[in-house]
Amino acid sequence: MPLEKFEKLEDGIVRILKSYEALKAENSGLREALDIKGRELDELRERVKKLDREKVQVRERVDTLLEKLNALTQGA
């Protein structure tokens, strides 16, 4: 009888250890995925900043062209 209890205990510990290893591997994979997503987010933020700068430049150029066009039409 005591041997049966020991075997049950042993089986339980083995199951716990297997679960621990599986969770540890899953956690590692999730951390790696999180790191990848973090890098992707940083890249997208930089892209948005660049596009915002380009938008400002385009707006300034359009405003300049509109001012020139307005000056031409005012002088005509």
C-alpha atoms as a PDB file:
ATOM      1  CA  MET A   1       0.000   0.000   0.000  1.00  0.00           C
ATOM      2  CA  PRO A   2       2.667   2.636   0.838  1.00  0.00           C
ATOM      3  CA  LEU A   3       4.386   1.832  -2.469  1.00  0.00           C
ATOM      4  CA  GLU A   4       1.178   2.662  -4.361  1.00  0.00           C
ATOM      5  CA  LYS A   5       0.987   6.074  -2.672  1.00  0.00           C
ATOM      6  CA  PHE A   6       4.612   6.708  -3.560  1.00  0.00           C
ATOM      7  CA  GLU A   7       3.937   5.766  -7.198  1.00  0.00           C
ATOM      8  CA  LYS A   8       0.947   8.113  -7.314  1.00  0.00           C
ATOM      9  CA  LEU A   9       3.084  10.871  -5.834  1.00  0.00           C
ATOM     10  CA  GLU A  10       5.816  10.129  -8.349  1.00  0.00           C
ATOM     11  CA  ASP A  11       3.305  10.207 -11.238  1.00  0.00           C
ATOM     12  CA  GLY A  12       1.958  13.529 -10.001  1.00  0.00           C
ATOM     13  CA  ILE A  13       5.428  15.028  -9.791  1.00  0.00           C
ATOM     14  CA  VAL A  14       6.271  13.788 -13.294  1.00  0.00           C
ATOM     15  CA  ARG A  15       3.056  15.378 -14.654  1.00  0.00           C
ATOM     16  CA  ILE A  16       3.856  18.649 -12.889  1.00  0.00           C
ATOM     17  CA  LEU A  17       7.382  18.657 -14.296  1.00  0.00           C
ATOM     18  CA  LYS A  18       6.102  17.991 -17.817  1.00  0.00           C
ATOM     19  CA  SER A  19       3.572  20.796 -17.455  1.00  0.00           C
ATOM     20  CA  TYR A  20       6.297  23.091 -16.141  1.00  0.00           C
ATOM     21  CA  GLU A  21       8.558  22.355 -19.121  1.00  0.00           C
ATOM     22  CA  ALA A  22       5.689  22.896 -21.566  1.00  0.00           C
ATOM     23  CA  LEU A  23       4.756  26.203 -19.924  1.00  0.00           C
ATOM     24  CA  LYS A  24       8.395  27.259 -19.844  1.00  0.00           C
ATOM     25  CA  ALA A  25       8.711  26.603 -23.604  1.00  0.00           C
ATOM     26  CA  GLU A  26       5.439  28.416 -24.294  1.00  0.00           C
ATOM     27  CA  ASN A  27       6.577  31.371 -22.195  1.00  0.00           C
ATOM     28  CA  SER A  28       9.839  31.539 -24.111  1.00  0.00           C
ATOM     29  CA  GLY A  29       7.975  31.528 -27.422  1.00  0.00           C
ATOM     30  CA  LEU A  30       5.618  34.236 -26.235  1.00  0.00           C
ATOM     31  CA  ARG A  31       8.515  36.408 -25.057  1.00  0.00           C
ATOM     32  CA  GLU A  32      10.187  36.033 -28.429  1.00  0.00           C
ATOM     33  CA  ALA A  33       6.946  36.941 -30.217  1.00  0.00           C
ATOM     34  CA  LEU A  34       6.559  39.954 -27.935  1.00  0.00           C
ATOM     35  CA  ASP A  35      10.097  41.105 -28.745  1.00  0.00           C
ATOM     36  CA  ILE A  36       9.380  40.789 -32.473  1.00  0.00           C
ATOM     37  CA  LYS A  37       6.155  42.765 -32.138  1.00  0.00           C
ATOM     38  CA  GLY A  38       7.976  45.405 -30.108  1.00  0.00           C
ATOM     39  CA  ARG A  39      10.553  45.832 -32.868  1.00  0.00           C
ATOM     40  CA  GLU A  40       7.782  45.981 -35.484  1.00  0.00           C
ATOM     41  CA  LEU A  41       6.032  48.658 -33.429  1.00  0.00           C
ATOM     42  CA  ASP A  42       9.229  50.708 -33.205  1.00  0.00           C
ATOM     43  CA  GLU A  43       9.681  50.461 -36.975  1.00  0.00           C
ATOM     44  CA  LEU A  44       6.083  51.547 -37.581  1.00  0.00           C
ATOM     45  CA  ARG A  45       6.470  54.496 -35.212  1.00  0.00           C
ATOM     46  CA  GLU A  46       9.540  55.624 -37.121  1.00  0.00           C
ATOM     47  CA  ARG A  47       7.662  55.237 -40.389  1.00  0.00           C
ATOM     48  CA  VAL A  48       4.791  57.357 -39.072  1.00  0.00           C
ATOM     49  CA  LYS A  49       7.248  60.062 -37.958  1.00  0.00           C
ATOM     50  CA  LYS A  50       8.833  60.068 -41.413  1.00  0.00           C
ATOM     51  CA  LEU A  51       5.443  60.286 -43.113  1.00  0.00           C
ATOM     52  CA  ASP A  52       4.434  63.148 -40.821  1.00  0.00           C
ATOM     53  CA  ARG A  53       7.600  65.041 -41.760  1.00  0.00           C
ATOM     54  CA  GLU A  54       6.930  64.405 -45.443  1.00  0.00           C
ATOM     55  CA  LYS A  55       3.345  65.578 -45.024  1.00  0.00           C
ATOM     56  CA  VAL A  56       4.529  68.851 -43.492  1.00  0.00           C
ATOM     57  CA  GLN A  57       6.990  69.361 -46.335  1.00  0.00           C
ATOM     58  CA  VAL A  58       4.329  68.678 -48.959  1.00  0.00           C
ATOM     59  CA  ARG A  59       1.905  71.035 -47.209  1.00  0.00           C
ATOM     60  CA  GLU A  60       4.560  73.791 -47.176  1.00  0.00           C
ATOM     61  CA  ARG A  61       5.285  73.289 -50.860  1.00  0.00           C
ATOM     62  CA  VAL A  62       1.587  73.341 -51.753  1.00  0.00           C
ATOM     63  CA  ASP A  63       1.103  76.509 -49.682  1.00  0.00           C
ATOM     64  CA  THR A  64       4.046  78.122 -51.491  1.00  0.00           C
ATOM     65  CA  LEU A  65       2.611  77.153 -54.867  1.00  0.00           C
ATOM     66  CA  LEU A  66      -0.817  78.465 -53.885  1.00  0.00           C
ATOM     67  CA  GLU A  67       0.712  81.759 -52.768  1.00  0.00           C
ATOM     68  CA  LYS A  68       2.547  82.064 -56.104  1.00  0.00           C
ATOM     69  CA  LEU A  69      -0.624  81.230 -58.001  1.00  0.00           C
ATOM     70  CA  ASN A  70      -2.581  83.737 -55.929  1.00  0.00           C
ATOM     71  CA  ALA A  71       0.065  86.410 -56.587  1.00  0.00           C
ATOM     72  CA  LEU A  72      -0.159  85.704 -60.326  1.00  0.00           C
ATOM     73  CA  THR A  73      -3.938  85.940 -60.362  1.00  0.00           C
ATOM     74  CA  GLN A  74      -3.902  89.093 -58.227  1.00  0.00           C
ATOM     75  CA  GLY A  75      -1.430  90.735 -60.577  1.00  0.00           C
ATOM     76  CA  ALA A  76      -3.363  89.790 -63.715  1.00  0.00           C
END
